[in-house]
Amino acid sequence: MKTPFLTFNLIIVGLVSSLISIFSGSAIAAEKINKKSVTVALYSSPTIRLAFLPLFKQFEEQTNIRVKTVRYTDQHEFHNSMDKWLVKGIDTPDILHGQSAERLYALAKKGLLHPQTQLWHRQGWFEKFRTELIDWVSYEGEVYGLPYGYYTWGLFYKKSLVEKFGPVPTTWDDFLYYCQQLKEAGISPFPASKKQPFIAAAWFEYLVLRSYGLSFFEEISAGKVSFHHPKVQSVLSQWQQMIELGFFDTQYEQYDWEEYIPRFLRDQIGFVFMSTNVGSRIYDKKFIEAVDFMPFPKINDIPRYESGPANSFFIAQNSQNKKAAEQFLDFFSLPEIQSQLGKYLYLSPAHNEAQSIGGKYTSAGHNTLLSAEGISPFFDRAAKPEFEKPAVKAFAEFLATGNTKMLTKQLEAIRVKGKGKLALNN
């Protein structure tokens, strides 16, 4: 015979079991409802987290699709993971955010990216983005990416320079004389960095764009023009003149650009030639007021072209969540979302109807891009990887040596070797 106490305990146990069963069932049901998810490879800098994470939350609330992030710490780690993710299919993120043009073409050529052409037609995106941005995410008739922002390069300078030396000239000969005045006053016109050779590549690109235009730059990037060509030699000669005049300070060769910004703010450096995301490192209102941005000076009397490197989202071909991934792209195509991203990433939004709300430098860069005759994707994305990687290192070495003969020999050897590989592949 069961005692009242034992009977009571059995009732309690039964009730608890029933409740556990009910809640377990609810949890399983909820899990099924929230089963959809997408994984995004995300660079883990504070700036990028601040920009993306609130929007991921908004996407989750609107679609009931959970966003999981795979964090990587720098571009080197990201590119090293590509083979594991896209080729070997190990822990593959559904969505990756990366760079356009040749870097995207290389992945598309190997069949590693999910085509988005039908999505583009369905959403009417071909009318919403400028032609260059669409071209840079398209390969052999298919679209493989969604641009969410782009930016340009120019010169950052302190207003204190203007007070001492007068307005910064916008034409080349006057600009060189201005730099000479800075040098004589003990101010380094420009830092020279080997640690980030892409900055030296930007110098080459802009000297070409301002001297001979976008088409000639595209021919050089494609390996169609010899580095012995008179126009290329003219560009290198202009650059060599600046180096021989001591305008590039090599004491900064092992600095990241973030590391020499404090020297710039203390008037030890005259100009910082960089993209508009320099604004992400100028926080103080006093310094924002003190620092201005201008386009690269005019050299020849030709239309103005700018570098406009773009960032895009693309979907892995071996993603198991392609429909959810396309919903993710649809969300991040919205003008208001791209405007918000641009605000925190110091980018111009890629969507034509989005607004540039990223502050002083982003707005200046945005206006520079909109008024340009055309844009390039930046040298390290315009050229094929096997060409650009050794070339940018050679450009960075040139800032220290100023040896045009050596640079020409190096670049021409890289170009000819690349053409040989292309012939063999065909």
Protein backbone atom coordinates (compact mmCIF):
# COMPACT_ATOMS: atom_id res chain seq x y z
CA MET A 1 0.00 0.00 0.00
CA LYS A 2 1.35 3.43 -1.04
CA THR A 3 1.71 6.03 1.69
CA PRO A 4 0.17 9.49 1.12
CA PHE A 5 3.70 10.95 1.05
CA LEU A 6 4.86 8.49 -1.62
CA THR A 7 1.70 9.11 -3.65
CA PHE A 8 2.34 12.85 -3.46
CA ASN A 9 5.95 12.39 -4.63
CA LEU A 10 4.83 10.27 -7.56
CA ILE A 11 2.32 12.95 -8.59
CA ILE A 12 5.03 15.62 -8.44
CA VAL A 13 7.44 13.48 -10.46
CA GLY A 14 4.71 12.90 -13.04
CA LEU A 15 3.95 16.57 -13.31
CA VAL A 16 7.64 17.47 -13.67
CA SER A 17 8.07 14.78 -16.34
CA SER A 18 5.07 16.11 -18.22
CA LEU A 19 6.37 19.68 -18.02
CA ILE A 20 9.81 18.59 -19.21
CA SER A 21 8.17 16.77 -22.09
CA ILE A 22 6.06 19.82 -22.98
CA PHE A 23 8.98 22.24 -22.84
CA SER A 24 11.27 19.84 -24.70
CA GLY A 25 8.64 19.53 -27.39
CA SER A 26 8.31 23.30 -27.54
CA ALA A 27 12.08 23.69 -27.79
CA ILE A 28 12.24 21.15 -30.60
CA ALA A 29 9.37 22.89 -32.37
CA ALA A 30 11.04 26.27 -31.91
CA GLU A 31 14.28 24.82 -33.21
CA LYS A 32 12.45 23.57 -36.31
CA ILE A 33 10.87 26.99 -36.83
CA ASN A 34 14.30 28.67 -36.46
CA LYS A 35 16.08 25.94 -38.35
CA LYS A 36 17.11 28.28 -41.18
CA SER A 37 20.50 29.89 -40.72
CA VAL A 38 23.32 31.41 -42.70
CA THR A 39 26.99 31.53 -41.84
CA VAL A 40 28.96 34.65 -42.77
CA ALA A 41 32.74 35.03 -42.79
CA LEU A 42 33.35 38.32 -40.98
CA TYR A 43 36.57 40.27 -40.42
CA SER A 44 36.69 40.76 -36.67
CA SER A 45 37.83 44.39 -36.35
CA PRO A 46 35.77 46.57 -33.97
CA THR A 47 34.72 48.86 -36.84
CA ILE A 48 33.33 46.00 -38.92
CA ARG A 49 31.58 44.37 -35.96
CA LEU A 50 29.96 47.70 -35.07
CA ALA A 51 28.70 48.02 -38.64
CA PHE A 52 27.45 44.49 -39.27
CA LEU A 53 26.23 42.97 -36.02
CA PRO A 54 23.23 45.30 -35.47
CA LEU A 55 22.18 44.69 -39.08
CA PHE A 56 22.53 40.93 -38.63
CA LYS A 57 20.15 41.20 -35.69
CA GLN A 58 17.70 43.24 -37.76
CA PHE A 59 17.87 40.62 -40.54
CA GLU A 60 17.17 37.84 -38.03
CA GLU A 61 14.13 39.67 -36.67
CA GLN A 62 12.70 40.27 -40.12
CA THR A 63 13.32 36.84 -41.63
CA ASN A 64 13.64 34.43 -38.69
CA ILE A 65 16.94 33.29 -40.25
CA ARG A 66 19.77 33.06 -37.77
CA VAL A 67 23.14 34.59 -38.71
CA LYS A 68 26.25 32.78 -37.53
CA THR A 69 29.65 34.39 -37.99
CA VAL A 70 33.04 32.89 -38.73
CA ARG A 71 35.59 35.37 -37.42
CA TYR A 72 38.95 35.95 -39.08
CA THR A 73 41.53 38.49 -37.95
CA ASP A 74 43.13 39.81 -41.14
CA GLN A 75 43.10 39.56 -44.92
CA HIS A 76 45.99 37.07 -44.88
CA GLU A 77 44.02 34.66 -42.70
CA PHE A 78 40.92 35.16 -44.84
CA HIS A 79 42.67 34.35 -48.13
CA ASN A 80 44.47 31.36 -46.59
CA SER A 81 41.08 29.95 -45.55
CA MET A 82 39.62 30.15 -49.06
CA ASP A 83 41.03 26.80 -50.15
CA LYS A 84 39.70 25.06 -47.04
CA TRP A 85 36.27 26.65 -47.32
CA LEU A 86 35.62 26.73 -51.05
CA VAL A 87 37.73 23.93 -52.51
CA LYS A 88 37.86 21.34 -49.74
CA GLY A 89 34.41 22.21 -48.39
CA ILE A 90 35.55 22.27 -44.75
CA ASP A 91 33.38 24.44 -42.47
CA THR A 92 32.34 26.49 -45.49
CA PRO A 93 30.56 29.78 -44.70
CA ASP A 94 27.46 30.34 -46.82
CA ILE A 95 28.37 33.98 -47.44
CA LEU A 96 31.75 35.63 -47.70
CA HIS A 97 32.49 39.29 -48.02
CA GLY A 98 35.48 40.09 -50.11
CA GLN A 99 36.88 42.07 -52.99
CA SER A 100 35.73 42.35 -56.57
CA ALA A 101 37.24 42.22 -60.06
CA GLU A 102 40.17 39.81 -60.61
CA ARG A 103 40.01 38.45 -57.05
CA LEU A 104 36.39 37.44 -57.60
CA TYR A 105 36.98 36.27 -61.19
CA ALA A 106 39.63 33.81 -59.99
CA LEU A 107 37.06 32.15 -57.69
CA ALA A 108 34.28 32.19 -60.30
CA LYS A 109 36.57 30.67 -62.93
CA LYS A 110 37.11 27.65 -60.66
CA GLY A 111 33.36 27.21 -60.14
CA LEU A 112 33.59 28.04 -56.43
CA LEU A 113 30.86 30.70 -56.36
CA HIS A 114 27.08 30.42 -56.64
CA PRO A 115 25.72 32.38 -59.65
CA GLN A 116 23.30 35.15 -58.68
CA THR A 117 22.18 36.24 -62.16
CA GLN A 118 18.55 35.13 -61.73
CA LEU A 119 18.41 36.89 -58.37
CA TRP A 120 19.72 40.08 -59.99
CA HIS A 121 17.02 39.92 -62.68
CA ARG A 122 14.30 39.10 -60.15
CA GLN A 123 15.23 42.02 -57.89
CA GLY A 124 15.92 44.51 -60.71
CA TRP A 125 19.45 45.14 -59.47
CA PHE A 126 20.96 45.79 -62.90
CA GLU A 127 19.33 49.22 -62.83
CA LYS A 128 20.36 49.93 -59.23
CA PHE A 129 24.19 49.81 -59.41
CA ARG A 130 26.73 51.61 -61.56
CA THR A 131 28.08 49.66 -64.54
CA GLU A 132 31.64 49.25 -63.23
CA LEU A 133 30.46 47.69 -59.96
CA ILE A 134 28.32 45.18 -61.88
CA ASP A 135 31.20 44.35 -64.23
CA TRP A 136 33.50 43.65 -61.28
CA VAL A 137 31.17 40.97 -59.88
CA SER A 138 30.38 39.39 -63.27
CA TYR A 139 32.28 36.66 -65.08
CA GLU A 140 31.48 35.12 -68.47
CA GLY A 141 27.85 36.20 -68.49
CA GLU A 142 27.00 35.35 -64.89
CA VAL A 143 26.85 37.62 -61.82
CA TYR A 144 28.50 36.24 -58.71
CA GLY A 145 28.43 39.01 -56.14
CA LEU A 146 26.48 41.86 -54.60
CA PRO A 147 28.44 45.11 -54.10
CA TYR A 148 27.61 46.79 -50.79
CA GLY A 149 30.14 49.63 -50.76
CA TYR A 150 33.11 51.22 -52.50
CA TYR A 151 35.55 54.00 -51.75
CA THR A 152 38.24 56.13 -53.29
CA TRP A 153 41.72 57.43 -52.56
CA GLY A 154 43.07 60.93 -52.09
CA LEU A 155 45.23 63.20 -49.98
CA PHE A 156 44.55 63.92 -46.31
CA TYR A 157 46.18 67.08 -44.99
CA LYS A 158 46.03 69.37 -41.96
CA LYS A 159 44.58 72.86 -42.25
CA SER A 160 47.67 74.02 -40.35
CA LEU A 161 49.63 73.39 -43.60
CA VAL A 162 47.37 75.83 -45.42
CA GLU A 163 47.96 78.43 -42.72
CA LYS A 164 51.75 78.09 -43.10
CA PHE A 165 52.24 77.41 -46.81
CA GLY A 166 49.02 78.48 -48.51
CA PRO A 167 46.30 76.35 -50.16
CA VAL A 168 47.33 72.91 -51.40
CA PRO A 169 47.71 73.14 -55.20
CA THR A 170 45.55 70.94 -57.41
CA THR A 171 47.96 70.90 -60.39
CA TRP A 172 51.08 68.77 -60.52
CA ASP A 173 54.02 71.19 -60.89
CA ASP A 174 52.63 73.50 -58.21
CA PHE A 175 52.00 70.49 -55.98
CA LEU A 176 55.63 69.34 -56.33
CA TYR A 177 56.83 72.83 -55.37
CA TYR A 178 54.50 72.72 -52.34
CA CYS A 179 56.04 69.41 -51.25
CA GLN A 180 59.50 70.93 -51.64
CA GLN A 181 58.49 73.72 -49.25
CA LEU A 182 57.33 71.12 -46.71
CA LYS A 183 60.61 69.22 -47.01
CA GLU A 184 62.67 72.38 -46.47
CA ALA A 185 60.56 73.17 -43.37
CA GLY A 186 61.41 69.75 -41.87
CA ILE A 187 58.05 68.13 -42.61
CA SER A 188 58.03 64.78 -44.45
CA PRO A 189 55.68 65.21 -47.43
CA PHE A 190 54.79 61.48 -47.46
CA PRO A 191 55.58 58.35 -45.43
CA ALA A 192 56.97 55.39 -47.39
CA SER A 193 55.80 51.97 -46.21
CA LYS A 194 57.10 48.56 -47.27
CA LYS A 195 54.87 46.90 -44.70
CA GLN A 196 51.76 47.80 -46.73
CA PRO A 197 52.96 47.71 -50.36
CA PHE A 198 49.46 48.31 -51.72
CA ILE A 199 49.97 52.01 -50.88
CA ALA A 200 52.92 52.17 -53.29
CA ALA A 201 50.74 50.43 -55.91
CA ALA A 202 48.19 53.23 -55.45
CA TRP A 203 50.88 55.78 -56.30
CA PHE A 204 51.62 54.00 -59.56
CA GLU A 205 47.91 53.72 -60.36
CA TYR A 206 47.14 57.39 -59.77
CA LEU A 207 50.17 58.62 -61.68
CA VAL A 208 48.93 56.56 -64.65
CA LEU A 209 45.27 57.64 -64.25
CA ARG A 210 46.18 61.33 -64.05
CA SER A 211 48.74 61.15 -66.87
CA TYR A 212 47.12 58.86 -69.46
CA GLY A 213 43.67 57.83 -68.24
CA LEU A 214 41.71 54.73 -67.36
CA SER A 215 42.03 52.78 -70.62
CA PHE A 216 45.81 52.87 -70.49
CA PHE A 217 45.79 51.80 -66.84
CA GLU A 218 43.51 48.87 -67.74
CA GLU A 219 45.91 47.80 -70.52
CA ILE A 220 48.83 47.87 -68.08
CA SER A 221 46.88 45.90 -65.46
CA ALA A 222 45.94 43.28 -68.07
CA GLY A 223 49.60 42.83 -69.00
CA LYS A 224 49.08 44.18 -72.53
CA VAL A 225 51.62 47.01 -72.29
CA SER A 226 55.36 46.61 -71.88
CA PHE A 227 56.91 48.47 -68.97
CA HIS A 228 59.45 49.75 -71.49
CA HIS A 229 56.62 51.70 -73.18
CA PRO A 230 57.43 55.45 -73.31
CA LYS A 231 54.25 56.38 -71.42
CA VAL A 232 55.04 53.95 -68.60
CA GLN A 233 58.61 55.24 -68.47
CA SER A 234 57.26 58.80 -68.25
CA VAL A 235 55.15 57.80 -65.21
CA LEU A 236 58.12 56.11 -63.52
CA SER A 237 60.28 59.15 -64.25
CA GLN A 238 57.76 61.47 -62.53
CA TRP A 239 57.68 59.15 -59.55
CA GLN A 240 61.49 58.87 -59.47
CA GLN A 241 61.73 62.66 -59.36
CA MET A 242 59.64 62.74 -56.18
CA ILE A 243 61.77 60.01 -54.60
CA GLU A 244 65.06 61.73 -55.47
CA LEU A 245 63.75 64.98 -54.00
CA GLY A 246 63.24 63.13 -50.71
CA PHE A 247 59.46 63.43 -50.63
CA PHE A 248 59.01 59.85 -49.35
CA ASP A 249 60.26 59.33 -45.80
CA THR A 250 61.59 55.76 -45.45
CA GLN A 251 61.73 55.90 -41.65
CA TYR A 252 58.10 54.73 -41.86
CA GLU A 253 58.82 51.68 -44.02
CA GLN A 254 57.81 49.23 -41.26
CA TYR A 255 54.73 51.19 -40.19
CA ASP A 256 51.10 50.37 -40.89
CA TRP A 257 49.20 53.45 -42.01
CA GLU A 258 47.33 53.37 -38.70
CA GLU A 259 50.68 53.70 -36.91
CA TYR A 260 51.82 56.87 -38.65
CA ILE A 261 48.51 58.72 -38.34
CA PRO A 262 49.57 60.15 -34.91
CA ARG A 263 52.73 61.60 -36.53
CA PHE A 264 50.54 63.12 -39.23
CA LEU A 265 48.23 64.67 -36.64
CA ARG A 266 51.29 66.18 -34.91
CA ASP A 267 52.39 67.90 -38.18
CA GLN A 268 55.43 65.67 -38.70
CA ILE A 269 53.97 64.35 -41.97
CA GLY A 270 52.41 66.65 -44.56
CA PHE A 271 50.11 64.29 -46.44
CA VAL A 272 48.64 60.86 -46.01
CA PHE A 273 47.75 59.31 -49.36
CA MET A 274 45.11 56.72 -48.54
CA SER A 275 41.52 55.65 -48.95
CA THR A 276 38.71 57.47 -47.18
CA ASN A 277 38.61 54.86 -44.40
CA VAL A 278 41.38 56.91 -42.77
CA GLY A 279 38.33 58.55 -41.21
CA SER A 280 37.94 55.43 -39.04
CA ARG A 281 41.12 56.44 -37.20
CA ILE A 282 40.38 60.14 -36.76
CA TYR A 283 37.96 60.18 -33.86
CA ASP A 284 38.43 63.48 -32.05
CA LYS A 285 36.15 66.29 -33.26
CA LYS A 286 39.07 68.69 -33.03
CA PHE A 287 41.10 66.59 -35.48
CA ILE A 288 38.12 65.99 -37.79
CA GLU A 289 37.81 69.74 -38.05
CA ALA A 290 41.56 70.10 -38.60
CA VAL A 291 42.01 67.44 -41.33
CA ASP A 292 40.70 67.80 -44.89
CA PHE A 293 40.57 65.49 -47.92
CA MET A 294 41.24 66.29 -51.57
CA PRO A 295 41.49 64.28 -54.81
CA PHE A 296 44.92 63.44 -56.22
CA PRO A 297 46.28 66.46 -58.17
CA LYS A 298 45.82 66.92 -61.91
CA ILE A 299 48.83 66.03 -64.11
CA ASN A 300 47.71 66.11 -67.78
CA ASP A 301 44.70 67.81 -69.32
CA ILE A 302 42.48 64.71 -69.49
CA PRO A 303 39.20 63.66 -67.83
CA ARG A 304 39.51 62.76 -64.15
CA TYR A 305 39.43 59.06 -63.27
CA GLU A 306 39.50 57.62 -59.76
CA SER A 307 40.25 54.34 -58.09
CA GLY A 308 37.03 52.92 -56.63
CA PRO A 309 37.71 49.52 -55.04
CA ALA A 310 34.49 47.75 -54.09
CA ASN A 311 33.53 45.26 -51.39
CA SER A 312 30.94 42.60 -52.17
CA PHE A 313 29.09 39.63 -50.74
CA PHE A 314 29.24 36.32 -52.58
CA ILE A 315 27.75 32.88 -51.92
CA ALA A 316 29.85 29.71 -51.80
CA GLN A 317 28.90 27.18 -54.45
CA ASN A 318 29.00 24.40 -51.83
CA SER A 319 26.70 26.30 -49.44
CA GLN A 320 23.84 24.17 -48.14
CA ASN A 321 21.69 27.25 -47.46
CA LYS A 322 21.55 29.05 -50.80
CA LYS A 323 17.94 30.24 -50.50
CA ALA A 324 18.55 31.73 -47.07
CA ALA A 325 21.82 33.20 -48.37
CA GLU A 326 19.95 34.89 -51.22
CA GLN A 327 17.51 36.36 -48.68
CA PHE A 328 20.56 37.71 -46.86
CA LEU A 329 21.81 39.39 -50.05
CA ASP A 330 18.35 40.78 -50.73
CA PHE A 331 18.36 42.41 -47.28
CA PHE A 332 21.84 43.88 -47.77
CA SER A 333 20.90 45.25 -51.19
CA LEU A 334 18.39 47.67 -49.64
CA PRO A 335 19.41 51.34 -49.97
CA GLU A 336 18.77 52.09 -46.29
CA ILE A 337 20.90 49.11 -45.21
CA GLN A 338 23.76 50.06 -47.52
CA SER A 339 23.55 53.65 -46.27
CA GLN A 340 23.90 52.37 -42.70
CA LEU A 341 26.86 50.15 -43.61
CA GLY A 342 28.58 53.06 -45.34
CA LYS A 343 28.18 55.19 -42.24
CA TYR A 344 30.17 52.80 -40.05
CA LEU A 345 32.59 51.41 -42.64
CA TYR A 346 33.45 54.82 -44.16
CA LEU A 347 32.30 53.58 -47.58
CA SER A 348 30.20 55.04 -50.34
CA PRO A 349 27.11 52.82 -50.60
CA ALA A 350 27.05 50.84 -53.84
CA HIS A 351 23.29 51.16 -54.43
CA ASN A 352 22.47 54.20 -56.56
CA GLU A 353 19.55 55.21 -54.33
CA ALA A 354 21.44 54.92 -51.03
CA GLN A 355 22.69 57.99 -49.18
CA SER A 356 26.25 58.74 -48.11
CA ILE A 357 25.92 59.42 -44.37
CA GLY A 358 29.39 58.41 -43.20
CA GLY A 359 30.65 61.85 -42.30
CA LYS A 360 33.07 64.36 -43.72
CA TYR A 361 35.61 62.12 -45.49
CA THR A 362 33.14 59.56 -46.79
CA SER A 363 30.98 62.33 -48.26
CA ALA A 364 34.00 63.96 -49.88
CA GLY A 365 35.06 60.61 -51.35
CA HIS A 366 31.52 59.87 -52.49
CA ASN A 367 31.30 63.17 -54.36
CA THR A 368 34.73 62.52 -55.89
CA LEU A 369 33.55 59.14 -57.20
CA LEU A 370 30.23 60.43 -58.53
CA SER A 371 31.92 63.24 -60.46
CA ALA A 372 34.67 61.03 -61.94
CA GLU A 373 34.63 60.14 -65.63
CA GLY A 374 35.23 56.50 -64.69
CA ILE A 375 36.68 54.31 -61.94
CA SER A 376 39.17 51.46 -61.66
CA PRO A 377 38.90 48.58 -59.17
CA PHE A 378 42.40 49.34 -57.73
CA PHE A 379 45.64 47.85 -59.03
CA ASP A 380 45.70 44.74 -56.82
CA ARG A 381 42.20 43.80 -58.06
CA ALA A 382 42.58 45.01 -61.65
CA ALA A 383 45.63 42.80 -62.23
CA LYS A 384 45.71 39.02 -61.99
CA PRO A 385 47.00 37.72 -58.63
CA GLU A 386 50.16 36.15 -60.10
CA PHE A 387 51.08 39.58 -61.51
CA GLU A 388 49.96 41.99 -58.79
CA LYS A 389 51.46 40.20 -55.78
CA PRO A 390 55.12 40.52 -56.86
CA ALA A 391 54.43 43.87 -58.60
CA VAL A 392 53.17 45.67 -55.48
CA LYS A 393 56.30 44.55 -53.59
CA ALA A 394 58.45 45.94 -56.38
CA PHE A 395 56.60 49.26 -56.21
CA ALA A 396 57.22 49.45 -52.45
CA GLU A 397 60.95 48.77 -52.93
CA PHE A 398 61.04 51.55 -55.52
CA LEU A 399 60.01 54.11 -52.87
CA ALA A 400 63.38 53.44 -51.21
CA THR A 401 65.64 52.98 -54.27
CA GLY A 402 64.16 55.25 -56.94
CA ASN A 403 65.84 52.93 -59.46
CA THR A 404 63.62 52.99 -62.55
CA LYS A 405 65.83 50.59 -64.53
CA MET A 406 65.60 47.94 -61.81
CA LEU A 407 61.83 48.44 -61.38
CA THR A 408 61.24 48.26 -65.15
CA LYS A 409 63.25 45.04 -65.38
CA GLN A 410 61.38 43.48 -62.46
CA LEU A 411 57.91 44.44 -63.69
CA GLU A 412 58.56 43.42 -67.28
CA ALA A 413 59.86 40.01 -66.16
CA ILE A 414 56.70 39.49 -64.08
CA ARG A 415 54.49 40.60 -67.01
CA VAL A 416 56.20 38.31 -69.56
CA LYS A 417 56.10 35.37 -67.18
CA GLY A 418 52.38 35.95 -66.65
CA LYS A 419 51.72 36.08 -70.40
CA GLY A 420 53.60 32.80 -70.81
CA LYS A 421 51.43 31.11 -68.18
CA LEU A 422 48.30 32.47 -69.87
CA ALA A 423 49.39 31.02 -73.23
CA LEU A 424 50.06 27.64 -71.66
CA ASN A 425 46.64 27.62 -69.94
CA ASN A 426 44.92 28.41 -73.21
